[in-house]
C-alpha atoms as a PDB file:
ATOM      1  CA  MET A   1       0.682   7.867 -49.326  1.00  0.00           C
ATOM      2  CA  GLU A   2       2.292   7.870 -52.218  1.00  0.00           C
ATOM      3  CA  GLN A   3       5.622  10.547 -52.642  1.00  0.00           C
ATOM      4  CA  SER A   4       4.146  11.685 -55.955  1.00  0.00           C
ATOM      5  CA  ALA A   5       1.010  12.704 -53.732  1.00  0.00           C
ATOM      6  CA  LEU A   6       3.424  14.504 -51.300  1.00  0.00           C
ATOM      7  CA  LYS A   7       4.816  16.692 -54.272  1.00  0.00           C
ATOM      8  CA  LYS A   8       1.915  18.386 -55.062  1.00  0.00           C
ATOM      9  CA  VAL A   9       1.638  20.147 -51.818  1.00  0.00           C
ATOM     10  CA  LYS A  10       1.880  23.965 -52.322  1.00  0.00           C
ATOM     11  CA  ALA A  11       1.268  25.123 -48.565  1.00  0.00           C
ATOM     12  CA  LEU A  12       1.124  24.421 -45.120  1.00  0.00           C
ATOM     13  CA  PHE A  13      -1.705  25.064 -43.147  1.00  0.00           C
ATOM     14  CA  LEU A  14       0.111  25.394 -39.359  1.00  0.00           C
ATOM     15  CA  ASP A  15      -1.485  24.807 -36.372  1.00  0.00           C
ATOM     16  CA  MET A  16       0.379  26.904 -33.612  1.00  0.00           C
ATOM     17  CA  ASP A  17      -0.088  25.427 -30.041  1.00  0.00           C
ATOM     18  CA  GLY A  18       2.149  22.618 -29.858  1.00  0.00           C
ATOM     19  CA  VAL A  19       3.417  23.050 -33.287  1.00  0.00           C
ATOM     20  CA  LEU A  20       5.161  26.568 -33.495  1.00  0.00           C
ATOM     21  CA  TRP A  21       5.515  27.312 -29.522  1.00  0.00           C
ATOM     22  CA  ALA A  22       4.371  26.213 -26.129  1.00  0.00           C
ATOM     23  CA  ASP A  23       2.886  29.436 -25.026  1.00  0.00           C
ATOM     24  CA  LYS A  24       5.929  31.743 -24.843  1.00  0.00           C
ATOM     25  CA  LYS A  25       8.802  29.258 -25.728  1.00  0.00           C
ATOM     26  CA  GLU A  26       9.240  28.653 -29.569  1.00  0.00           C
ATOM     27  CA  ILE A  27       9.640  24.984 -30.382  1.00  0.00           C
ATOM     28  CA  GLY A  28      13.169  24.532 -32.338  1.00  0.00           C
ATOM     29  CA  ASN A  29      14.529  27.771 -34.072  1.00  0.00           C
ATOM     30  CA  LEU A  30      11.503  29.267 -35.788  1.00  0.00           C
ATOM     31  CA  HIS A  31      13.217  31.798 -37.715  1.00  0.00           C
ATOM     32  CA  GLU A  32      15.442  29.131 -39.208  1.00  0.00           C
ATOM     33  CA  VAL A  33      12.478  26.861 -39.815  1.00  0.00           C
ATOM     34  CA  PHE A  34      10.251  29.851 -41.667  1.00  0.00           C
ATOM     35  CA  GLU A  35      13.648  29.986 -43.767  1.00  0.00           C
ATOM     36  CA  SER A  36      13.886  26.530 -44.958  1.00  0.00           C
ATOM     37  CA  ILE A  37       9.878  26.759 -45.907  1.00  0.00           C
ATOM     38  CA  ARG A  38      10.605  29.918 -48.084  1.00  0.00           C
ATOM     39  CA  GLU A  39      13.463  27.802 -50.145  1.00  0.00           C
ATOM     40  CA  ALA A  40      10.870  25.064 -50.458  1.00  0.00           C
ATOM     41  CA  GLY A  41       8.891  27.407 -52.284  1.00  0.00           C
ATOM     42  CA  LEU A  42       5.700  26.762 -49.602  1.00  0.00           C
ATOM     43  CA  THR A  43       2.808  29.182 -48.992  1.00  0.00           C
ATOM     44  CA  VAL A  44       2.427  29.325 -45.141  1.00  0.00           C
ATOM     45  CA  LEU A  45      -1.544  29.811 -43.568  1.00  0.00           C
ATOM     46  CA  PHE A  46      -1.998  29.170 -40.243  1.00  0.00           C
ATOM     47  CA  GLY A  47      -5.244  27.620 -38.928  1.00  0.00           C
ATOM     48  CA  SER A  48      -5.518  27.142 -34.931  1.00  0.00           C
ATOM     49  CA  ASN A  49      -8.467  26.322 -32.634  1.00  0.00           C
ATOM     50  CA  ASN A  50      -7.336  28.998 -30.548  1.00  0.00           C
ATOM     51  CA  ALA A  51      -9.322  32.008 -30.862  1.00  0.00           C
ATOM     52  CA  THR A  52      -7.645  33.724 -27.666  1.00  0.00           C
ATOM     53  CA  LYS A  53      -5.326  36.325 -29.892  1.00  0.00           C
ATOM     54  CA  THR A  54      -6.336  38.454 -33.039  1.00  0.00           C
ATOM     55  CA  PRO A  55      -4.472  37.645 -36.113  1.00  0.00           C
ATOM     56  CA  GLU A  56      -2.209  40.993 -35.462  1.00  0.00           C
ATOM     57  CA  GLU A  57      -1.084  39.774 -32.084  1.00  0.00           C
ATOM     58  CA  TYR A  58      -0.370  36.521 -33.508  1.00  0.00           C
ATOM     59  CA  CYS A  59       1.863  38.457 -35.978  1.00  0.00           C
ATOM     60  CA  GLU A  60       3.495  40.525 -33.222  1.00  0.00           C
ATOM     61  CA  LYS A  61       4.149  36.925 -31.255  1.00  0.00           C
ATOM     62  CA  LEU A  62       5.946  35.426 -34.496  1.00  0.00           C
ATOM     63  CA  ALA A  63       7.834  38.791 -35.064  1.00  0.00           C
ATOM     64  CA  SER A  64       9.237  38.360 -31.564  1.00  0.00           C
ATOM     65  CA  PHE A  65      10.702  34.838 -33.115  1.00  0.00           C
ATOM     66  CA  GLY A  66      12.206  36.725 -35.874  1.00  0.00           C
ATOM     67  CA  VAL A  67       9.098  35.529 -38.430  1.00  0.00           C
ATOM     68  CA  SER A  68       7.756  38.092 -40.739  1.00  0.00           C
ATOM     69  CA  VAL A  69       3.780  37.057 -41.530  1.00  0.00           C
ATOM     70  CA  GLN A  70       0.776  38.893 -42.445  1.00  0.00           C
ATOM     71  CA  PRO A  71      -2.561  39.359 -40.686  1.00  0.00           C
ATOM     72  CA  GLU A  72      -4.042  37.811 -43.974  1.00  0.00           C
ATOM     73  CA  GLN A  73      -2.161  34.380 -43.533  1.00  0.00           C
ATOM     74  CA  PHE A  74      -4.517  33.812 -40.485  1.00  0.00           C
ATOM     75  CA  PHE A  75      -7.617  31.334 -40.431  1.00  0.00           C
ATOM     76  CA  THR A  76      -8.079  30.789 -36.620  1.00  0.00           C
ATOM     77  CA  SER A  77     -11.331  29.514 -35.064  1.00  0.00           C
ATOM     78  CA  GLY A  78     -12.140  33.339 -34.278  1.00  0.00           C
ATOM     79  CA  ILE A  79     -11.905  34.279 -38.130  1.00  0.00           C
ATOM     80  CA  ALA A  80     -13.732  31.099 -38.952  1.00  0.00           C
ATOM     81  CA  THR A  81     -16.395  31.901 -36.193  1.00  0.00           C
ATOM     82  CA  VAL A  82     -16.829  35.561 -37.856  1.00  0.00           C
ATOM     83  CA  TYR A  83     -17.349  33.791 -41.224  1.00  0.00           C
ATOM     84  CA  GLN A  84     -19.949  31.110 -40.362  1.00  0.00           C
ATOM     85  CA  LEU A  85     -21.785  33.949 -37.857  1.00  0.00           C
ATOM     86  CA  HIS A  86     -21.935  36.531 -40.862  1.00  0.00           C
ATOM     87  CA  LYS A  87     -23.371  33.372 -43.334  1.00  0.00           C
ATOM     88  CA  ASP A  88     -26.022  32.284 -40.745  1.00  0.00           C
ATOM     89  CA  PHE A  89     -27.256  35.615 -39.623  1.00  0.00           C
ATOM     90  CA  PRO A  90     -26.884  38.104 -42.364  1.00  0.00           C
ATOM     91  CA  HIS A  91     -28.632  41.037 -40.398  1.00  0.00           C
ATOM     92  CA  GLY A  92     -26.097  40.418 -37.558  1.00  0.00           C
ATOM     93  CA  PRO A  93     -26.820  38.735 -34.375  1.00  0.00           C
ATOM     94  CA  LYS A  94     -26.310  39.996 -30.880  1.00  0.00           C
ATOM     95  CA  ILE A  95     -23.599  37.649 -29.043  1.00  0.00           C
ATOM     96  CA  TYR A  96     -22.762  36.950 -25.496  1.00  0.00           C
ATOM     97  CA  VAL A  97     -19.119  35.753 -25.629  1.00  0.00           C
ATOM     98  CA  PHE A  98     -17.769  33.424 -22.862  1.00  0.00           C
ATOM     99  CA  GLY A  99     -14.458  33.965 -24.309  1.00  0.00           C
ATOM    100  CA  SER A 100     -11.363  35.774 -24.230  1.00  0.00           C
ATOM    101  CA  PRO A 101     -11.226  40.131 -24.399  1.00  0.00           C
ATOM    102  CA  SER A 102      -9.327  39.652 -28.073  1.00  0.00           C
ATOM    103  CA  LEU A 103     -12.256  37.478 -29.150  1.00  0.00           C
ATOM    104  CA  LYS A 104     -14.445  40.051 -28.122  1.00  0.00           C
ATOM    105  CA  LYS A 105     -12.339  42.739 -29.942  1.00  0.00           C
ATOM    106  CA  LEU A 106     -12.707  40.374 -33.208  1.00  0.00           C
ATOM    107  CA  LEU A 107     -16.236  40.024 -33.208  1.00  0.00           C
ATOM    108  CA  ARG A 108     -16.869  44.099 -32.163  1.00  0.00           C
ATOM    109  CA  ASP A 109     -14.252  45.018 -35.302  1.00  0.00           C
ATOM    110  CA  ASN A 110     -16.131  42.752 -37.743  1.00  0.00           C
ATOM    111  CA  GLY A 111     -19.676  44.758 -37.085  1.00  0.00           C
ATOM    112  CA  PHE A 112     -21.034  42.171 -34.441  1.00  0.00           C
ATOM    113  CA  GLU A 113     -22.713  43.923 -31.197  1.00  0.00           C
ATOM    114  CA  VAL A 114     -21.361  41.880 -27.914  1.00  0.00           C
ATOM    115  CA  VAL A 115     -23.683  41.998 -25.177  1.00  0.00           C
ATOM    116  CA  GLU A 116     -24.115  41.164 -21.483  1.00  0.00           C
ATOM    117  CA  GLU A 117     -27.792  39.543 -22.032  1.00  0.00           C
ATOM    118  CA  ASN A 118     -30.663  39.304 -24.422  1.00  0.00           C
ATOM    119  CA  ALA A 119     -28.426  37.784 -27.008  1.00  0.00           C
ATOM    120  CA  ASP A 120     -29.215  35.962 -30.346  1.00  0.00           C
ATOM    121  CA  VAL A 121     -26.034  33.701 -29.683  1.00  0.00           C
ATOM    122  CA  VAL A 122     -23.878  32.737 -27.163  1.00  0.00           C
ATOM    123  CA  LEU A 123     -20.368  32.257 -28.315  1.00  0.00           C
ATOM    124  CA  ALA A 124     -18.131  29.694 -25.706  1.00  0.00           C
ATOM    125  CA  SER A 125     -14.455  29.780 -26.115  1.00  0.00           C
ATOM    126  CA  LEU A 126     -11.395  29.558 -23.871  1.00  0.00           C
ATOM    127  CA  ASP A 127     -11.923  32.116 -20.685  1.00  0.00           C
ATOM    128  CA  ARG A 128      -9.119  32.185 -18.301  1.00  0.00           C
ATOM    129  CA  GLU A 129     -11.818  34.441 -16.103  1.00  0.00           C
ATOM    130  CA  ILE A 130     -14.254  31.759 -16.009  1.00  0.00           C
ATOM    131  CA  SER A 131     -17.016  31.964 -13.319  1.00  0.00           C
ATOM    132  CA  TYR A 132     -20.432  30.622 -12.081  1.00  0.00           C
ATOM    133  CA  GLU A 133     -21.707  34.053 -12.910  1.00  0.00           C
ATOM    134  CA  LYS A 134     -20.810  33.340 -16.962  1.00  0.00           C
ATOM    135  CA  ILE A 135     -21.989  30.150 -16.842  1.00  0.00           C
ATOM    136  CA  SER A 136     -25.277  30.924 -15.368  1.00  0.00           C
ATOM    137  CA  ARG A 137     -25.647  34.219 -18.024  1.00  0.00           C
ATOM    138  CA  ALA A 138     -24.588  31.450 -20.848  1.00  0.00           C
ATOM    139  CA  MET A 139     -27.336  29.175 -19.883  1.00  0.00           C
ATOM    140  CA  ILE A 140     -29.950  31.706 -19.135  1.00  0.00           C
ATOM    141  CA  GLU A 141     -29.405  33.159 -22.583  1.00  0.00           C
ATOM    142  CA  ILE A 142     -29.913  29.778 -24.268  1.00  0.00           C
ATOM    143  CA  CYS A 143     -32.727  28.183 -22.201  1.00  0.00           C
ATOM    144  CA  GLU A 144     -34.753  31.375 -21.574  1.00  0.00           C
ATOM    145  CA  HIS A 145     -34.151  33.611 -24.468  1.00  0.00           C
ATOM    146  CA  GLY A 146     -33.148  31.429 -27.192  1.00  0.00           C
ATOM    147  CA  ALA A 147     -30.409  32.025 -28.262  1.00  0.00           C
ATOM    148  CA  LYS A 148     -28.433  29.743 -30.239  1.00  0.00           C
ATOM    149  CA  PHE A 149     -25.355  27.985 -29.099  1.00  0.00           C
ATOM    150  CA  TYR A 150     -21.859  28.322 -30.906  1.00  0.00           C
ATOM    151  CA  ALA A 151     -18.224  27.131 -29.956  1.00  0.00           C
ATOM    152  CA  THR A 152     -14.907  28.064 -31.434  1.00  0.00           C
ATOM    153  CA  ASN A 153     -13.579  24.580 -30.704  1.00  0.00           C
ATOM    154  CA  THR A 154     -13.826  21.769 -27.886  1.00  0.00           C
ATOM    155  CA  ASP A 155     -10.067  21.536 -27.346  1.00  0.00           C
ATOM    156  CA  SER A 156      -9.959  19.728 -23.768  1.00  0.00           C
ATOM    157  CA  THR A 157      -6.189  21.286 -22.866  1.00  0.00           C
ATOM    158  CA  PHE A 158      -3.406  23.168 -24.802  1.00  0.00           C
ATOM    159  CA  VAL A 159       0.219  23.173 -23.936  1.00  0.00           C
ATOM    160  CA  THR A 160       2.014  25.938 -22.142  1.00  0.00           C
ATOM    161  CA  GLU A 161       5.726  26.369 -21.061  1.00  0.00           C
ATOM    162  CA  ASN A 162       4.874  25.009 -17.956  1.00  0.00           C
ATOM    163  CA  GLY A 163       2.617  21.758 -18.987  1.00  0.00           C
ATOM    164  CA  TRP A 164      -0.833  21.380 -20.255  1.00  0.00           C
ATOM    165  CA  ARG A 165      -3.795  23.409 -19.210  1.00  0.00           C
ATOM    166  CA  PRO A 166      -7.294  23.253 -19.883  1.00  0.00           C
ATOM    167  CA  GLY A 167      -8.561  24.296 -23.055  1.00  0.00           C
ATOM    168  CA  GLY A 168     -11.796  25.809 -24.344  1.00  0.00           C
ATOM    169  CA  GLY A 169     -13.518  22.577 -24.366  1.00  0.00           C
ATOM    170  CA  VAL A 170     -13.982  22.685 -20.746  1.00  0.00           C
ATOM    171  CA  MET A 171     -15.695  26.133 -20.723  1.00  0.00           C
ATOM    172  CA  VAL A 172     -18.151  24.581 -23.735  1.00  0.00           C
ATOM    173  CA  ASN A 173     -18.692  21.643 -22.053  1.00  0.00           C
ATOM    174  CA  CYS A 174     -19.805  23.538 -18.818  1.00  0.00           C
ATOM    175  CA  VAL A 175     -22.284  25.570 -20.776  1.00  0.00           C
ATOM    176  CA  GLU A 176     -23.734  22.152 -22.662  1.00  0.00           C
ATOM    177  CA  THR A 177     -23.932  20.466 -19.184  1.00  0.00           C
ATOM    178  CA  CYS A 178     -26.552  22.660 -17.826  1.00  0.00           C
ATOM    179  CA  THR A 179     -28.176  23.339 -21.011  1.00  0.00           C
ATOM    180  CA  GLY A 180     -28.196  19.731 -22.284  1.00  0.00           C
ATOM    181  CA  VAL A 181     -28.075  21.852 -25.717  1.00  0.00           C
ATOM    182  CA  LYS A 182     -24.864  20.995 -28.287  1.00  0.00           C
ATOM    183  CA  PRO A 183     -22.977  23.540 -29.983  1.00  0.00           C
ATOM    184  CA  PHE A 184     -22.223  24.388 -33.705  1.00  0.00           C
ATOM    185  CA  VAL A 185     -18.376  23.920 -33.309  1.00  0.00           C
ATOM    186  CA  ILE A 186     -16.507  26.410 -35.844  1.00  0.00           C
ATOM    187  CA  GLY A 187     -12.907  24.886 -34.967  1.00  0.00           C
ATOM    188  CA  LYS A 188     -10.960  21.676 -36.545  1.00  0.00           C
ATOM    189  CA  PRO A 189     -11.735  18.970 -36.932  1.00  0.00           C
ATOM    190  CA  ASN A 190     -14.607  21.212 -38.797  1.00  0.00           C
ATOM    191  CA  THR A 191     -13.428  22.152 -42.117  1.00  0.00           C
ATOM    192  CA  VAL A 192     -14.680  26.019 -42.207  1.00  0.00           C
ATOM    193  CA  MET A 193     -11.012  27.233 -41.551  1.00  0.00           C
ATOM    194  CA  ILE A 194      -8.858  25.244 -44.157  1.00  0.00           C
ATOM    195  CA  GLU A 195     -12.254  25.759 -46.669  1.00  0.00           C
ATOM    196  CA  MET A 196     -11.408  29.694 -45.998  1.00  0.00           C
ATOM    197  CA  ALA A 197      -7.597  29.548 -46.287  1.00  0.00           C
ATOM    198  CA  CYS A 198      -7.932  27.345 -49.830  1.00  0.00           C
ATOM    199  CA  LYS A 199     -10.627  29.260 -50.991  1.00  0.00           C
ATOM    200  CA  ALA A 200      -8.745  32.955 -50.298  1.00  0.00           C
ATOM    201  CA  ASN A 201      -5.247  31.279 -52.082  1.00  0.00           C
ATOM    202  CA  GLY A 202      -6.626  29.411 -54.934  1.00  0.00           C
ATOM    203  CA  LEU A 203      -5.689  26.035 -53.252  1.00  0.00           C
ATOM    204  CA  ASN A 204      -7.188  22.611 -53.871  1.00  0.00           C
ATOM    205  CA  PRO A 205      -7.488  20.263 -51.019  1.00  0.00           C
ATOM    206  CA  ASP A 206      -4.654  18.105 -52.415  1.00  0.00           C
ATOM    207  CA  GLU A 207      -2.051  21.132 -52.787  1.00  0.00           C
ATOM    208  CA  ILE A 208      -2.378  21.962 -49.212  1.00  0.00           C
ATOM    209  CA  MET A 209      -1.253  20.131 -46.019  1.00  0.00           C
ATOM    210  CA  ALA A 210      -2.841  20.151 -42.754  1.00  0.00           C
ATOM    211  CA  VAL A 211       0.067  20.122 -39.893  1.00  0.00           C
ATOM    212  CA  GLY A 212      -0.841  19.666 -36.236  1.00  0.00           C
ATOM    213  CA  ASP A 213       0.184  17.892 -32.965  1.00  0.00           C
ATOM    214  CA  ARG A 214      -3.445  16.593 -32.372  1.00  0.00           C
ATOM    215  CA  TYR A 215      -4.827  14.019 -34.373  1.00  0.00           C
ATOM    216  CA  GLU A 216      -8.465  14.431 -33.123  1.00  0.00           C
ATOM    217  CA  THR A 217      -8.440  17.858 -34.437  1.00  0.00           C
ATOM    218  CA  ASP A 218      -5.584  19.001 -36.812  1.00  0.00           C
ATOM    219  CA  ILE A 219      -5.181  15.698 -38.633  1.00  0.00           C
ATOM    220  CA  ALA A 220      -8.790  14.687 -38.733  1.00  0.00           C
ATOM    221  CA  GLY A 221      -9.686  17.748 -40.007  1.00  0.00           C
ATOM    222  CA  GLY A 222      -7.395  17.735 -42.894  1.00  0.00           C
ATOM    223  CA  ILE A 223      -8.738  14.224 -43.476  1.00  0.00           C
ATOM    224  CA  ASN A 224     -12.205  15.460 -43.586  1.00  0.00           C
ATOM    225  CA  PHE A 225     -10.823  18.284 -46.403  1.00  0.00           C
ATOM    226  CA  GLY A 226      -9.062  15.418 -48.421  1.00  0.00           C
ATOM    227  CA  ALA A 227      -6.001  17.597 -47.663  1.00  0.00           C
ATOM    228  CA  ARG A 228      -2.386  15.879 -47.264  1.00  0.00           C
ATOM    229  CA  THR A 229      -1.423  15.311 -43.396  1.00  0.00           C
ATOM    230  CA  GLY A 230       1.579  15.736 -41.279  1.00  0.00           C
ATOM    231  CA  LEU A 231       1.303  14.781 -37.557  1.00  0.00           C
ATOM    232  CA  VAL A 232       4.482  16.554 -35.132  1.00  0.00           C
ATOM    233  CA  LEU A 233       5.295  15.025 -32.216  1.00  0.00           C
ATOM    234  CA  SER A 234       6.090  18.157 -30.603  1.00  0.00           C
ATOM    235  CA  GLY A 235       2.958  18.703 -28.496  1.00  0.00           C
ATOM    236  CA  TYR A 236      -0.352  16.500 -27.763  1.00  0.00           C
ATOM    237  CA  GLU A 237       0.678  13.327 -29.867  1.00  0.00           C
ATOM    238  CA  THR A 238       3.337  10.801 -28.756  1.00  0.00           C
ATOM    239  CA  PRO A 239       5.436   8.110 -30.283  1.00  0.00           C
ATOM    240  CA  GLU A 240       3.163   6.051 -27.904  1.00  0.00           C
ATOM    241  CA  THR A 241      -0.023   7.126 -29.226  1.00  0.00           C
ATOM    242  CA  VAL A 242       0.498   6.894 -33.434  1.00  0.00           C
ATOM    243  CA  PRO A 243       0.162   3.458 -33.668  1.00  0.00           C
ATOM    244  CA  HIS A 244      -3.316   3.747 -32.710  1.00  0.00           C
ATOM    245  CA  LEU A 245      -4.277   6.564 -34.905  1.00  0.00           C
ATOM    246  CA  ASP A 246      -6.306   5.559 -37.887  1.00  0.00           C
ATOM    247  CA  PRO A 247      -5.918   6.302 -40.810  1.00  0.00           C
ATOM    248  CA  GLN A 248      -2.404   7.373 -40.354  1.00  0.00           C
ATOM    249  CA  PRO A 249      -1.468  10.854 -41.210  1.00  0.00           C
ATOM    250  CA  ASP A 250       0.648  11.291 -44.270  1.00  0.00           C
ATOM    251  CA  LEU A 251       3.791  12.456 -42.935  1.00  0.00           C
ATOM    252  CA  ILE A 252       4.789  11.904 -39.081  1.00  0.00           C
ATOM    253  CA  CYS A 253       7.565  13.705 -37.778  1.00  0.00           C
ATOM    254  CA  LYS A 254       9.714  15.154 -34.423  1.00  0.00           C
ATOM    255  CA  ASP A 255       8.520  18.466 -35.165  1.00  0.00           C
ATOM    256  CA  LEU A 256       7.848  21.125 -37.839  1.00  0.00           C
ATOM    257  CA  ALA A 257      11.694  21.177 -38.558  1.00  0.00           C
ATOM    258  CA  GLU A 258      12.135  17.851 -39.729  1.00  0.00           C
ATOM    259  CA  LEU A 259       8.783  17.740 -41.593  1.00  0.00           C
ATOM    260  CA  VAL A 260       9.719  20.592 -43.764  1.00  0.00           C
ATOM    261  CA  ASN A 261      12.926  18.866 -44.589  1.00  0.00           C
ATOM    262  CA  ALA A 262      11.365  16.072 -45.538  1.00  0.00           C
ATOM    263  CA  LEU A 263       8.851  17.927 -47.728  1.00  0.00           C
ATOM    264  CA  LYS A 264      11.825  19.713 -49.848  1.00  0.00           C
ATOM    265  CA  GLU A 265      14.142  16.305 -50.081  1.00  0.00           C
ATOM    266  CA  LEU A 266      10.506  15.015 -52.092  1.00  0.00           C
ATOM    267  CA  GLN A 267      10.928  18.336 -54.278  1.00  0.00           C
ATOM    268  CA  LYS A 268      14.267  17.240 -55.444  1.00  0.00           C
END
């Protein structure tokens, strides 16, 4: 990628897990990193496959690290799911949610009816209270009641301060295995989230950089959209996996701080 193309970047579309933090532990000094982003004149937008928190909860988490942001800056797979379901079901579906309480709240707050049976849609996501009964109910709704199958994401793992743990893809795979039905996947590498972010902020694809730690989702989603891409090695990918990535990201950096500094240098 020529440096002139990277100079067009006006906004960062930041993944969060593995880029900003590992569970409760920040990666680097986020207050300083975001000050550096501000100095570079870059707009900050957030796009995570993690649908377990609302934008307001993410704002509170960033505030605990000394970073002030607004809910309107977030385009998570949960937000994108709301957008997609309104688009696919204009009259409002009944939804069985195999996921977190925050995801259920987000759906209710946006006018959807969350039900325990007789659903039009089964939505699978990360559920830390996974059970045989929940998998069975999802199977019944899809196979016996004809519910459509959606998934917020299929990430197999996510990083915590204590190491890697199972991600939402585990729950999705459980339902897919017993039903034989493949879901409509909302999250990256689907481009729904980054499309929403660009539309809301008047950006063209080549004016936004998708930044993440996982090639198959964060970077692939950016490539699919025609955006610039920045891979950080603070989460999933490692120096050993980088040579095997094709096509290569536009920037590969140790962490977000190094990536922002590289972009600042290009602006000089």
